[in-house]
Protein backbone atom coordinates (compact mmCIF):
# COMPACT_ATOMS: atom_id res chain seq x y z
CA MET A 1 124.08 135.91 95.53
CA THR A 2 126.92 137.34 93.46
CA ALA A 3 128.68 135.53 90.63
CA SER A 4 130.92 132.84 92.09
CA SER A 5 132.42 129.46 91.39
CA LEU A 6 130.87 126.36 92.92
CA TYR A 7 132.70 123.35 94.37
CA ASN A 8 132.72 121.75 90.90
CA GLY A 9 133.89 124.79 88.93
CA ILE A 10 130.46 125.82 87.67
CA GLN A 11 130.02 129.60 87.60
CA HIS A 12 126.89 130.87 89.29
CA PRO A 13 125.42 133.94 87.60
CA ALA A 14 125.19 137.23 89.46
CA GLU A 15 121.37 136.99 89.38
CA TRP A 16 120.53 134.06 91.59
CA PRO A 17 118.25 132.25 91.49
CA PRO A 18 117.93 132.76 87.74
CA ARG A 19 114.67 133.98 86.22
CA THR A 20 115.12 132.19 82.93
CA ILE A 21 112.57 129.37 83.09
CA GLU A 22 109.70 129.74 80.64
CA PRO A 23 106.29 128.04 80.49
CA GLY A 24 105.61 125.77 77.55
CA GLY A 25 106.71 122.36 76.41
CA ASP A 26 110.37 122.74 75.46
CA PRO A 27 112.91 120.87 77.61
CA LEU A 28 114.43 123.22 80.17
CA PRO A 29 118.02 124.40 79.68
CA VAL A 30 120.98 123.02 81.65
CA PRO A 31 123.64 125.73 81.20
CA TYR A 32 126.53 123.88 82.86
CA LEU A 33 126.22 121.04 80.34
CA ALA A 34 126.12 123.43 77.40
CA ASN A 35 129.17 125.28 78.73
CA PRO A 36 131.11 123.14 81.24
CA PRO A 37 134.17 124.48 83.09
CA HIS A 38 137.52 124.06 81.34
CA VAL A 39 138.88 122.36 84.47
CA ILE A 40 136.59 120.59 86.94
CA PRO A 41 137.54 120.23 90.64
CA ILE A 42 136.54 116.78 91.92
CA ASP A 43 137.31 116.97 95.66
CA VAL A 44 133.65 116.61 96.70
CA GLY A 45 132.08 113.19 96.41
CA ARG A 46 131.96 110.31 94.02
CA GLN A 47 131.86 111.50 90.43
CA LEU A 48 128.81 110.05 88.69
CA PHE A 49 128.16 109.47 84.99
CA VAL A 50 124.53 110.66 84.92
CA ASP A 51 125.46 113.20 82.19
CA ASP A 52 128.42 114.32 80.07
CA PHE A 53 129.64 116.95 82.52
CA LEU A 54 132.82 114.96 83.26
CA VAL A 55 133.18 113.30 79.86
CA GLU A 56 135.35 114.72 77.10
CA HIS A 57 134.83 111.76 74.78
CA THR A 58 133.86 108.11 75.05
CA THR A 59 133.08 104.98 73.06
CA LEU A 60 131.24 103.46 76.03
CA ARG A 61 127.45 103.32 76.21
CA ARG A 62 125.56 105.07 78.99
CA VAL A 63 122.91 102.82 80.57
CA PHE A 64 120.33 104.07 83.06
CA HIS A 65 119.11 101.72 85.78
CA SER A 66 115.81 101.55 87.65
CA ALA A 67 115.28 100.59 91.27
CA LYS A 68 113.98 97.12 92.14
CA VAL A 69 111.10 96.62 94.55
CA HIS A 70 112.42 94.88 97.66
CA GLU A 71 110.96 91.46 98.41
CA ALA A 72 109.90 92.72 101.87
CA ALA A 73 107.73 95.48 100.39
CA PRO A 74 105.37 96.83 101.48
CA VAL A 75 107.19 97.36 104.77
CA LEU A 76 104.28 99.24 106.34
CA SER A 77 100.54 98.84 105.74
CA PRO A 78 97.47 100.28 107.49
CA GLU A 79 96.89 98.38 110.74
CA THR A 80 96.22 100.71 113.66
CA ASP A 81 93.03 102.67 114.34
CA LEU A 82 94.79 105.86 113.31
CA GLU A 83 95.97 104.33 110.04
CA ARG A 84 92.68 102.56 109.34
CA ASN A 85 90.95 105.95 109.39
CA ARG A 86 87.57 104.42 110.37
CA ASP A 87 87.94 102.24 107.24
CA HIS A 88 87.31 105.36 105.26
CA CYS A 89 90.71 105.86 103.57
CA PRO A 90 93.29 103.65 105.30
CA VAL A 91 96.85 104.93 104.81
CA ALA A 92 100.27 104.13 106.29
CA ALA A 93 102.53 105.73 103.72
CA PRO A 94 104.89 108.66 103.30
CA PHE A 95 103.15 111.43 101.41
CA ASN A 96 106.64 112.82 101.05
CA ASP A 97 107.08 113.00 104.88
CA GLY A 98 110.55 111.51 105.49
CA ALA A 99 112.72 108.40 105.83
CA TRP A 100 116.08 108.91 107.59
CA TYR A 101 118.75 107.03 109.48
CA ASP A 102 119.45 108.79 112.75
CA PRO A 103 123.07 108.19 113.86
CA ALA A 104 122.28 109.61 117.31
CA ASP A 105 120.47 106.41 118.29
CA GLN A 106 121.39 104.23 115.26
CA THR A 107 117.79 103.87 114.15
CA PHE A 108 115.86 104.01 110.90
CA LYS A 109 113.03 106.53 111.29
CA LEU A 110 110.00 106.96 109.07
CA TRP A 111 107.56 109.84 109.39
CA TYR A 112 104.42 109.03 107.43
CA HIS A 113 100.79 109.88 106.69
CA ALA A 114 98.56 107.82 108.99
CA GLY A 115 94.97 107.79 107.72
CA TRP A 116 94.11 110.05 104.81
CA PHE A 117 93.94 113.75 105.78
CA ASP A 118 94.52 112.61 109.33
CA GLY A 119 97.68 111.81 111.31
CA THR A 120 101.43 112.40 111.07
CA ALA A 121 103.08 109.40 112.71
CA LEU A 122 106.53 107.95 113.41
CA ALA A 123 107.73 104.38 112.93
CA THR A 124 111.19 103.12 113.87
CA SER A 125 113.34 100.17 112.81
CA SER A 126 116.73 98.65 113.58
CA ASP A 127 117.14 97.10 110.12
CA GLY A 128 114.93 99.18 107.81
CA LEU A 129 112.69 96.21 107.05
CA ASN A 130 110.83 95.46 110.29
CA TRP A 131 109.11 98.53 111.67
CA GLU A 132 107.66 99.33 115.08
CA ARG A 133 105.08 101.94 116.01
CA PRO A 134 106.13 103.44 119.35
CA SER A 135 103.39 104.45 121.76
CA LEU A 136 103.77 108.19 122.19
CA GLU A 137 102.10 110.69 124.49
CA VAL A 138 101.57 113.39 121.85
CA VAL A 139 98.25 111.81 120.91
CA PRO A 140 97.76 109.20 123.64
CA GLY A 141 97.34 105.65 122.42
CA THR A 142 98.95 106.34 119.04
CA ASN A 143 102.34 106.88 117.40
CA ALA A 144 101.29 110.32 116.13
CA VAL A 145 103.78 113.16 116.57
CA ILE A 146 101.46 116.06 115.68
CA ALA A 147 98.12 116.73 117.34
CA HIS A 148 95.61 117.31 114.56
CA PRO A 149 94.26 120.91 114.73
CA PRO A 150 90.45 120.81 114.94
CA GLY A 151 88.77 121.41 111.60
CA TRP A 152 92.02 121.10 109.61
CA ARG A 153 92.97 118.25 107.30
CA ARG A 154 96.54 117.12 106.80
CA ASP A 155 97.87 117.01 103.22
CA GLY A 156 101.46 116.75 101.97
CA ALA A 157 104.33 117.06 104.44
CA LEU A 158 108.08 116.71 104.64
CA THR A 159 110.52 115.94 107.47
CA TRP A 160 114.24 116.71 107.39
CA LEU A 161 117.08 115.58 109.65
CA ASP A 162 119.42 118.57 109.85
CA ALA A 163 122.70 117.16 111.19
CA ASP A 164 124.34 120.61 111.38
CA ALA A 165 121.60 122.27 113.44
CA GLU A 166 121.49 122.89 117.16
CA LEU A 167 120.28 119.82 119.03
CA SER A 168 116.91 121.42 119.74
CA GLU A 169 116.27 121.86 116.01
CA ARG A 170 117.80 118.72 114.50
CA PHE A 171 114.49 117.87 112.86
CA LYS A 172 112.47 120.21 110.68
CA MET A 173 108.99 119.67 109.29
CA PHE A 174 106.54 121.27 106.91
CA ILE A 175 102.86 120.25 106.74
CA PHE A 176 100.27 121.63 104.34
CA TRP A 177 97.02 121.85 106.27
CA ARG A 178 93.75 122.11 104.37
CA HIS A 179 91.58 124.79 105.93
CA PRO A 180 88.62 126.64 104.38
CA ALA A 181 90.26 130.05 104.79
CA ARG A 182 93.93 129.22 104.22
CA HIS A 183 96.35 128.05 101.54
CA GLU A 184 99.49 127.88 103.64
CA GLY A 185 101.39 125.30 105.57
CA LEU A 186 102.89 125.21 109.04
CA ILE A 187 106.55 124.68 109.85
CA TYR A 188 107.92 122.96 112.95
CA THR A 189 111.25 122.14 114.59
CA SER A 190 112.12 119.38 117.03
CA GLY A 191 115.04 117.96 118.96
CA ASP A 192 113.85 114.37 118.94
CA GLY A 193 111.45 114.08 115.98
CA ILE A 194 108.58 113.39 118.40
CA HIS A 195 107.86 116.64 120.20
CA TRP A 196 107.48 119.46 117.70
CA ASN A 197 107.48 123.23 118.21
CA GLU A 198 105.25 125.16 115.83
CA ARG A 199 107.23 127.95 114.14
CA GLY A 200 104.42 129.64 112.25
CA LEU A 201 102.69 129.73 108.91
CA THR A 202 104.43 129.60 105.56
CA SER A 203 103.58 132.01 102.80
CA GLN A 204 100.82 131.01 100.40
CA CYS A 205 101.51 127.78 98.55
CA GLY A 206 99.76 124.81 97.01
CA ASP A 207 99.22 121.38 98.53
CA ASN A 208 102.11 118.94 98.09
CA SER A 209 104.62 121.76 98.39
CA SER A 210 107.76 120.67 100.23
CA PHE A 211 111.34 121.67 101.03
CA PHE A 212 114.91 120.33 101.17
CA TYR A 213 118.37 121.49 102.19
CA ASN A 214 121.09 122.08 99.59
CA PRO A 215 124.46 121.82 101.41
CA PHE A 216 126.40 122.89 98.32
CA LEU A 217 124.69 126.29 98.47
CA GLN A 218 123.95 126.15 102.22
CA ARG A 219 120.33 127.02 101.51
CA PHE A 220 116.95 125.64 102.51
CA VAL A 221 114.82 125.47 99.38
CA PHE A 222 111.04 125.43 99.26
CA SER A 223 109.57 123.52 96.32
CA ILE A 224 106.31 125.42 95.88
CA ARG A 225 103.41 123.96 93.96
CA GLN A 226 101.81 126.41 91.55
CA SER A 227 99.94 125.95 88.29
CA TRP A 228 101.98 128.21 86.02
CA ASN A 229 102.38 125.27 83.65
CA ARG A 230 99.50 123.20 84.97
CA ARG A 231 101.08 121.34 87.91
CA ALA A 232 104.58 122.84 88.21
CA ARG A 233 107.08 124.18 90.75
CA LEU A 234 108.40 127.50 92.02
CA TYR A 235 111.71 127.90 93.87
CA PHE A 236 112.54 129.98 96.94
CA GLU A 237 115.70 129.72 99.05
CA HIS A 238 117.16 131.14 102.25
CA PRO A 239 119.97 130.05 104.62
CA ASP A 240 117.53 130.05 107.54
CA PHE A 241 114.74 127.46 107.62
CA VAL A 242 112.10 129.75 109.09
CA GLN A 243 112.90 132.54 106.64
CA ALA A 244 112.90 130.07 103.75
CA ALA A 245 109.24 129.37 104.50
CA ARG A 246 108.21 133.01 104.10
CA TRP A 247 108.34 134.82 100.83
CA GLU A 248 106.73 137.77 99.15
CA PRO A 249 104.57 136.93 96.10
CA GLU A 250 107.15 138.17 93.59
CA GLN A 251 110.16 136.42 95.15
CA PRO A 252 109.79 132.74 94.12
CA VAL A 253 110.93 131.99 90.57
CA ARG A 254 109.71 129.43 88.05
CA TRP A 255 111.78 126.31 88.50
CA ALA A 256 110.58 122.93 87.25
CA ARG A 257 107.83 121.52 85.02
CA ALA A 258 107.08 118.66 82.67
CA ASP A 259 107.90 119.03 78.96
CA ARG A 260 107.22 117.45 75.58
CA LEU A 261 109.73 114.65 76.26
CA ASP A 262 107.45 113.33 79.02
CA ARG A 263 105.40 110.74 77.22
CA PRO A 264 101.70 110.11 78.05
CA ASP A 265 100.64 106.87 79.62
CA PRO A 266 99.57 104.70 76.66
CA PHE A 267 96.25 103.84 78.30
CA LEU A 268 95.29 107.18 79.84
CA GLY A 269 96.71 109.28 77.01
CA LEU A 270 96.86 112.53 79.02
CA ARG A 271 99.65 115.07 78.85
CA PRO A 272 101.96 114.44 81.85
CA GLN A 273 102.43 117.01 84.61
CA LEU A 274 104.97 117.49 87.41
CA TYR A 275 103.21 116.49 90.63
CA ASP A 276 106.03 117.14 93.09
CA VAL A 277 109.80 117.43 93.49
CA THR A 278 111.75 115.95 96.40
CA ALA A 279 115.52 116.42 96.49
CA VAL A 280 118.66 115.59 98.49
CA ALA A 281 122.43 115.91 98.18
CA TYR A 282 124.00 112.64 97.11
CA GLU A 283 127.79 112.48 96.70
CA SER A 284 128.67 115.29 94.23
CA ILE A 285 125.18 116.13 92.91
CA MET A 286 121.68 117.10 93.93
CA LEU A 287 119.40 114.14 93.33
CA GLY A 288 115.79 114.92 92.47
CA ALA A 289 112.81 112.58 92.68
CA PHE A 290 110.22 113.91 90.23
CA ALA A 291 106.69 112.54 90.57
CA ILE A 292 105.30 112.57 87.03
CA PHE A 293 101.51 112.64 86.98
CA HIS A 294 99.76 110.71 84.20
CA GLY A 295 96.14 111.05 85.33
CA PRO A 296 93.22 110.67 85.70
CA GLU A 297 92.36 114.12 86.97
CA ASN A 298 90.77 114.26 90.42
CA PRO A 299 87.06 114.17 89.44
CA ASP A 300 87.61 111.21 87.12
CA ALA A 301 89.71 109.30 89.65
CA ALA A 302 87.06 109.93 92.30
CA SER A 303 84.24 108.77 90.04
CA ILE A 304 85.89 105.35 89.56
CA SER A 305 87.37 105.32 93.08
CA ARG A 306 90.90 104.51 91.89
CA PRO A 307 94.18 106.25 92.73
CA LYS A 308 95.80 108.65 90.33
CA ILE A 309 98.89 107.42 88.50
CA ASN A 310 102.26 108.91 89.43
CA ASP A 311 105.63 107.42 88.51
CA LEU A 312 108.92 108.53 90.04
CA GLN A 313 111.63 109.65 87.65
CA LEU A 314 115.08 110.91 88.64
CA ALA A 315 116.66 114.24 87.82
CA TYR A 316 120.16 115.48 88.50
CA SER A 317 121.56 118.93 89.23
CA ARG A 318 125.14 120.13 89.61
CA ASP A 319 124.33 123.80 90.21
CA GLY A 320 121.37 123.38 92.57
CA PHE A 321 118.75 124.86 90.28
CA HIS A 322 118.79 123.44 86.73
CA TRP A 323 117.73 119.81 86.43
CA HIS A 324 119.01 117.37 83.83
CA ARG A 325 116.42 114.70 83.04
CA PRO A 326 118.09 112.32 80.59
CA HIS A 327 115.94 109.24 81.24
CA ARG A 328 112.17 109.63 80.99
CA GLN A 329 111.18 106.16 82.13
CA ALA A 330 110.00 105.27 85.61
CA PHE A 331 112.71 104.79 88.23
CA ILE A 332 110.00 103.56 90.61
CA GLY A 333 106.75 102.99 88.78
CA ALA A 334 103.12 102.40 89.62
CA SER A 335 102.20 98.80 88.80
CA ARG A 336 98.91 99.88 87.16
CA ARG A 337 97.56 96.41 88.03
CA TRP A 338 94.31 96.57 89.97
CA GLY A 339 94.68 94.59 93.17
CA ASP A 340 98.37 95.42 93.70
CA TRP A 341 99.44 97.33 96.81
CA ASN A 342 101.39 99.71 94.56
CA TYR A 343 98.73 100.25 91.90
CA GLY A 344 99.34 104.02 91.73
CA TYR A 345 100.00 107.41 93.32
CA ILE A 346 103.71 106.95 94.01
CA HIS A 347 105.42 109.55 96.24
CA ALA A 348 109.08 109.69 97.26
CA ALA A 349 109.90 110.04 100.94
CA GLY A 350 111.74 113.13 102.12
CA GLY A 351 115.47 112.38 102.10
CA VAL A 352 114.90 110.39 98.86
CA CYS A 353 117.27 107.50 99.68
CA LEU A 354 119.46 105.94 102.35
CA VAL A 355 122.90 104.38 101.91
CA VAL A 356 122.72 100.83 103.25
CA GLY A 357 125.95 98.94 102.63
CA ASP A 358 126.47 98.67 98.89
CA GLU A 359 122.87 99.67 98.11
CA LEU A 360 120.66 102.73 98.05
CA TRP A 361 117.28 102.22 99.70
CA PHE A 362 114.29 104.25 98.51
CA TYR A 363 111.18 104.38 100.69
CA TYR A 364 108.03 105.64 99.03
CA GLY A 365 104.28 105.84 99.34
CA ALA A 366 102.05 103.79 97.05
CA PHE A 367 98.26 103.44 96.94
CA SER A 368 96.14 100.40 96.08
CA GLY A 369 92.70 102.03 96.13
CA HIS A 370 91.46 99.20 98.35
CA GLY A 371 90.28 99.12 101.94
CA SER A 372 87.70 101.90 101.87
CA VAL A 373 84.12 101.30 102.92
CA LEU A 374 83.09 103.84 100.29
CA LYS A 375 81.97 102.53 96.94
CA PRO A 376 82.97 104.11 93.59
CA GLY A 377 81.25 107.47 93.29
CA GLU A 378 80.62 107.72 97.05
CA PHE A 379 82.42 110.44 99.03
CA GLY A 380 83.24 111.03 102.65
CA GLY A 381 81.13 114.15 102.98
CA ASP A 382 83.77 116.65 104.11
CA TYR A 383 85.76 116.60 100.89
CA GLU A 384 84.21 116.06 97.49
CA GLN A 385 86.91 113.69 96.20
CA ASP A 386 87.58 111.85 99.43
CA ASN A 387 87.02 108.16 98.68
CA GLY A 388 88.88 105.04 97.54
CA MET A 389 91.13 107.07 95.25
CA TYR A 390 93.05 107.93 98.43
CA ALA A 391 92.73 104.52 100.11
CA GLY A 392 95.16 101.69 100.65
CA GLY A 393 98.32 103.71 101.21
CA HIS A 394 101.36 101.50 101.85
CA THR A 395 105.07 102.12 102.38
CA GLY A 396 107.21 100.61 99.67
CA LEU A 397 110.94 99.96 99.52
CA ALA A 398 113.03 99.74 96.37
CA THR A 399 116.78 99.28 96.08
CA LEU A 400 119.60 100.21 93.71
CA ARG A 401 123.31 99.60 93.59
CA ARG A 402 125.23 102.40 95.27
CA ASP A 403 125.90 105.12 92.64
CA GLY A 404 123.80 102.95 90.35
CA PHE A 405 121.71 105.57 88.54
CA ALA A 406 123.76 105.30 85.35
CA SER A 407 126.77 103.29 84.21
CA MET A 408 129.19 103.55 81.31
CA GLN A 409 129.09 100.12 79.72
CA ALA A 410 131.52 98.24 77.50
CA ASP A 411 130.97 95.00 75.59
CA THR A 412 133.54 92.30 74.88
CA HIS A 413 135.26 94.52 72.30
CA GLY A 414 135.96 97.14 74.95
CA GLY A 415 135.91 100.92 74.87
CA VAL A 416 137.40 104.09 76.31
CA LEU A 417 136.17 107.02 78.38
CA ALA A 418 138.31 110.14 78.72
CA THR A 419 137.36 112.74 81.31
CA ARG A 420 137.65 116.45 80.91
CA LEU A 421 140.57 118.05 82.71
CA VAL A 422 140.11 117.67 86.46
CA THR A 423 141.95 118.74 89.60
CA PHE A 424 142.02 117.15 93.03
CA SER A 425 143.76 117.36 96.39
CA GLY A 426 143.49 113.67 97.30
CA SER A 427 145.94 110.86 96.72
CA HIS A 428 143.93 107.68 96.02
CA LEU A 429 141.82 106.88 92.93
CA PHE A 430 138.77 104.73 93.64
CA ILE A 431 136.12 103.38 91.29
CA ASN A 432 132.72 101.69 91.45
CA LEU A 433 133.01 98.85 88.96
CA ASP A 434 130.98 95.83 87.89
CA ALA A 435 133.29 93.81 85.62
CA PRO A 436 133.93 90.37 87.15
CA ARG A 437 134.31 88.82 83.68
CA GLY A 438 136.00 91.81 82.11
CA GLU A 439 138.64 94.30 83.13
CA LEU A 440 139.38 97.96 83.62
CA GLN A 441 142.66 99.87 83.38
CA VAL A 442 143.33 103.57 83.87
CA GLU A 443 145.96 105.97 82.58
CA ILE A 444 146.49 109.59 83.58
CA LEU A 445 147.38 112.29 81.03
CA ASP A 446 148.56 115.88 81.35
CA GLU A 447 147.06 118.98 79.73
CA ARG A 448 148.83 118.23 76.45
CA GLY A 449 147.46 114.69 76.31
CA ASP A 450 150.75 113.02 77.24
CA VAL A 451 150.80 110.10 79.67
CA ILE A 452 152.22 110.99 83.08
CA HIS A 453 154.75 108.40 84.26
CA PRO A 454 154.27 106.02 86.08
CA PHE A 455 150.47 106.27 85.62
CA SER A 456 150.45 104.58 82.23
CA LEU A 457 148.12 101.98 80.82
CA ALA A 458 150.94 99.41 80.75
CA ASN A 459 151.64 99.91 84.46
CA CYS A 460 148.00 99.82 85.59
CA ARG A 461 147.01 96.54 87.21
CA PRO A 462 143.82 95.30 85.52
CA LEU A 463 140.75 95.24 87.74
CA ALA A 464 138.22 92.44 87.25
CA THR A 465 135.76 92.81 90.11
CA ASP A 466 132.22 93.67 91.16
CA TYR A 467 132.71 96.14 93.98
CA THR A 468 131.36 99.59 94.76
CA CYS A 469 134.63 100.90 96.22
CA THR A 470 137.93 99.57 94.85
CA ARG A 471 141.29 101.32 94.55
CA VAL A 472 143.31 101.63 91.36
CA ASN A 473 147.08 101.14 91.41
CA TRP A 474 149.94 101.12 88.97
CA ASN A 475 152.24 98.18 89.78
CA GLY A 476 151.78 98.80 93.47
CA ILE A 477 151.78 102.61 93.20
CA HIS A 478 148.52 104.20 94.29
CA ASP A 479 149.71 107.55 95.65
CA LEU A 480 148.61 110.40 93.37
CA SER A 481 149.81 113.19 95.68
CA SER A 482 152.40 114.27 93.09
CA LEU A 483 149.45 115.30 90.87
CA THR A 484 147.46 117.33 93.42
CA GLY A 485 146.32 120.67 92.10
CA ARG A 486 147.50 119.83 88.57
CA PRO A 487 144.96 119.61 85.71
CA VAL A 488 144.96 116.02 84.50
CA GLN A 489 142.77 113.72 82.44
CA PHE A 490 141.74 110.20 83.42
CA ARG A 491 141.36 107.74 80.59
CA PHE A 492 139.41 104.59 81.50
CA HIS A 493 139.80 101.48 79.31
CA LEU A 494 136.96 99.04 79.98
CA ARG A 495 136.01 95.65 78.59
CA SER A 496 132.88 93.64 79.46
CA GLY A 497 131.62 95.66 82.35
CA ASP A 498 130.00 98.77 83.83
CA LEU A 499 131.77 101.76 85.36
CA TYR A 500 129.51 103.68 87.78
CA ALA A 501 131.72 106.27 89.42
CA PHE A 502 135.25 107.39 90.18
CA TRP A 503 136.73 109.69 92.82
CA VAL A 504 140.07 110.80 94.26
CA THR A 505 140.33 110.99 98.03
CA PRO A 506 142.89 111.46 100.81
CA SER A 507 141.34 108.39 102.48
CA ALA A 508 142.99 105.03 101.93
CA SER A 509 139.61 103.43 102.80
CA GLY A 510 137.82 105.28 100.00
CA ALA A 511 135.79 107.86 101.94
CA SER A 512 134.62 110.28 99.25
CA ASN A 513 133.93 113.54 101.14
CA GLY A 514 130.56 113.45 99.40
CA TYR A 515 127.03 113.70 100.74
CA LEU A 516 125.16 110.64 101.92
CA ALA A 517 121.52 111.56 101.25
CA ALA A 518 119.40 110.42 104.23
CA GLY A 519 122.29 108.57 105.88
CA GLY A 520 122.60 104.91 106.74
CA PRO A 521 123.99 102.35 109.19
CA GLY A 522 127.67 102.65 110.00
CA LEU A 523 128.07 105.99 108.25
CA PRO A 524 129.71 108.92 110.06
CA GLY A 525 126.98 111.47 109.36
CA PRO A 526 125.82 113.49 106.36
CA VAL A 527 129.28 113.45 104.71
CA ASP A 528 131.44 110.44 103.81
CA VAL A 529 134.65 111.14 105.74
């Protein structure tokens, strides 16, 4: 890839992907934050405040928000013979796998790990809360979609709904199969998510490797587990899915790892590691779900027959490679309470989140350690650490306000946020605002810092609302088409409230032209148009 400008004005270097990531404990660089564009185009998606990329100066306070476990969770628990796994290690949970909304038949679909090291199954739902297990002919009498190769054991997997693909390849899957002589996975494609065509082996990789599609770069990216910094990740990309799964040993580059800002669990006290990375395009950014591993290591977890502890943290990227990790607390955390369904071993589902009305829904796997007939220190015989540490896998659901990762917050005294210079081709300014007992006003300035008439603070009608998509107007004027293509600065004046996002769009209804993660009911497809 040659040097070029991205959709948001960031300059990609001529050497891509970059080979600049070093082992060690220092936080990894984020070049576009250290040197942002002078003018930022904002035509793609809602503009989020997860970092200072868009912010020239502010007196508001950035607040990060965690997801809340839904009252219906767990939404799937081991019940069938396949999931019960002979009461050895019962599991009905995404081990990445995938949770998507399929607009073709208006159905929530969950691919998940059914029985530890055993099945890959499909559940469907009309509302995302009540799930059915269809009886499929792939493995008669079950809802499995992959026939288990004899002598192989299923490990991590990931399923992707590719809305832009030919109908016969709308769904794509990677599974890491444990086999005595192999350290690769298999890739598959499917037209219906049920009947899968095997497309061959991947190159060598570690278990819990995965992949995602970056629409900003139009690349499939494999997130390859390798221990160059203990548990860490390599990166390899290609426009074609099959080619993305095959690399020469020297081609993947170091990509992501834990660092010294990742704090040890206060009880376990071990240095954290990066267990896996799952990513998706959401609005104007790539959203990363980082599973941060706190321990115990496998032999210790097996000896006490308890799951390992992973928490999910979020990371954000605007160039598709460098991750900004500003908040090192759990977004979805293990409960760490023995007896809970979500005691530990949290894994994000492929697709990361769905857009459901005014919320984002996050499906994930969580393990209780209960349900196995094996006692602590006993093993299944075919794998030395195969016992209750991998038992009791459930499917959790957590929710967040739409765009709700971070907000810019003002108290009763109020404050101001001024953006960097931006350009747009739309004509309507929308915001995501929670300020029912406060107010927000907006003014628009030119390159010199002068207010552009009539978009002044005095003319702006105050907004006092709690709504994820509301339009700004200036005494009835909401048409910004006279400013299209012109560098301008938005200045937000907020009192007693939280500002989550802003965007300028040609759509009077507020469609953002941004990406919609794993989709959702009533949405047009992968892009909000």
